[in-house]
C-alpha cells in the first residue's frame, strides 16, 4: 500500500559493490595519518526488553513539571511497601511520567495505588499507555497565513477531501524544518484512515500533491543522546558530544573518527552478547540502536481498527 518502510534495525551496514584495491601511497616518515573507521559485520540485535509501563499524566491545574510530579509520587507512594519493583521512571510528553515495572501485576498495583491515593486525587492519573496509531511525515508543506490551529484545520480538511479519506481522527503532531519557508508535518491518523492512503507515496492536495512516508522516529534527546525524552526534559548537567563519548559540545570535538556513545555503552554492558559497530555518530540514522528503536515503534503501532 505504502512505500517500503525504512531499513529495520537488523540491517546496520549498507550494501556496496566491491571496488578494486587501490595502490598504497607511501608516506613520509613521521607523518600523521587520518584514522580510518573500521567497519563491523552486520549484527542482528535482539528486540529491546519489554516491560509493563504505567503512564502518569497530570489532571490538575496548575500543571506540575515532571521532576516535581516524581517527587510528589515518591512522597506519597512507597513501591517497596507495595511489593513493586520499579525499573525506571522517566519523563513523558505533557510533563507526565513513564514508570516501568518488573511484572504486569506490579504495574496494576502501582496504578491502583496512585489513582486511589487521597493526596494525589485531582493532581494526576495513572493508566496503561494507549497503543501507537499510524503516523506519516508529509514533506514540504507550504506556509499559509493565519493562526496555527486554523491553518492545520484547513490543511486536514483539504487533505481529506482531495484524497477521499473516510471519517476518522487526523491530527498534526508537530512540524520539522523543510526546504525554504516550508515545513515537514508529522501527522497521526486513525488506522481506518491510514488504510486509505495512496500506495504511491504522494497525497493529492488541491491542484497539487505532497510527498509522504510512514513516520517512525523515536523520541530522543540531542543533549545527552538517549532515547525516551527530549532536551527540555533532560537531567544531564552538561551537553554531551554527538561525535564521541566525550563531555563537550560537538563543535569542540577533537576526534576525526566518530564513536557512538550509545553503541559503545551497549557493547560494554553486553560483553558476552553480539557486538555492534561503534564507528558512527550518535545522531546517525544508521546507528543499530536507533534502528532498533524504530523497529520497536513499528511493532507497537496499531494498524487494525
Foldseek 3Di string as FASTA:
>chain_A
DADDDPDFLQCLDDDDDDDDDDDDDDDDPPDDDADDADDDDGDGDDFDDDFFKKKKAFQAPPADALVVVVVVCVVQDDLVVLVWDWPDWAADPRRIIITGTHHPVSLVSVQVVQCPDPVNVRTIHMDGDDFAAWKKKWAFDDDDDDDPVVVFVVQVVQQCVQQVFDDWDKDWDDWADHPDRTIITMMGIHLSRVVSADHYQWGDGPPRIIGMHTDQFFAAEQFQLGTDHYPVRDPDPGRADQFDRHRDHVVPDPHPWGFDPVLVVVCVVCVPDDHDRGGDGSPDCSGSVRSSSSVVSVVRYDNDD
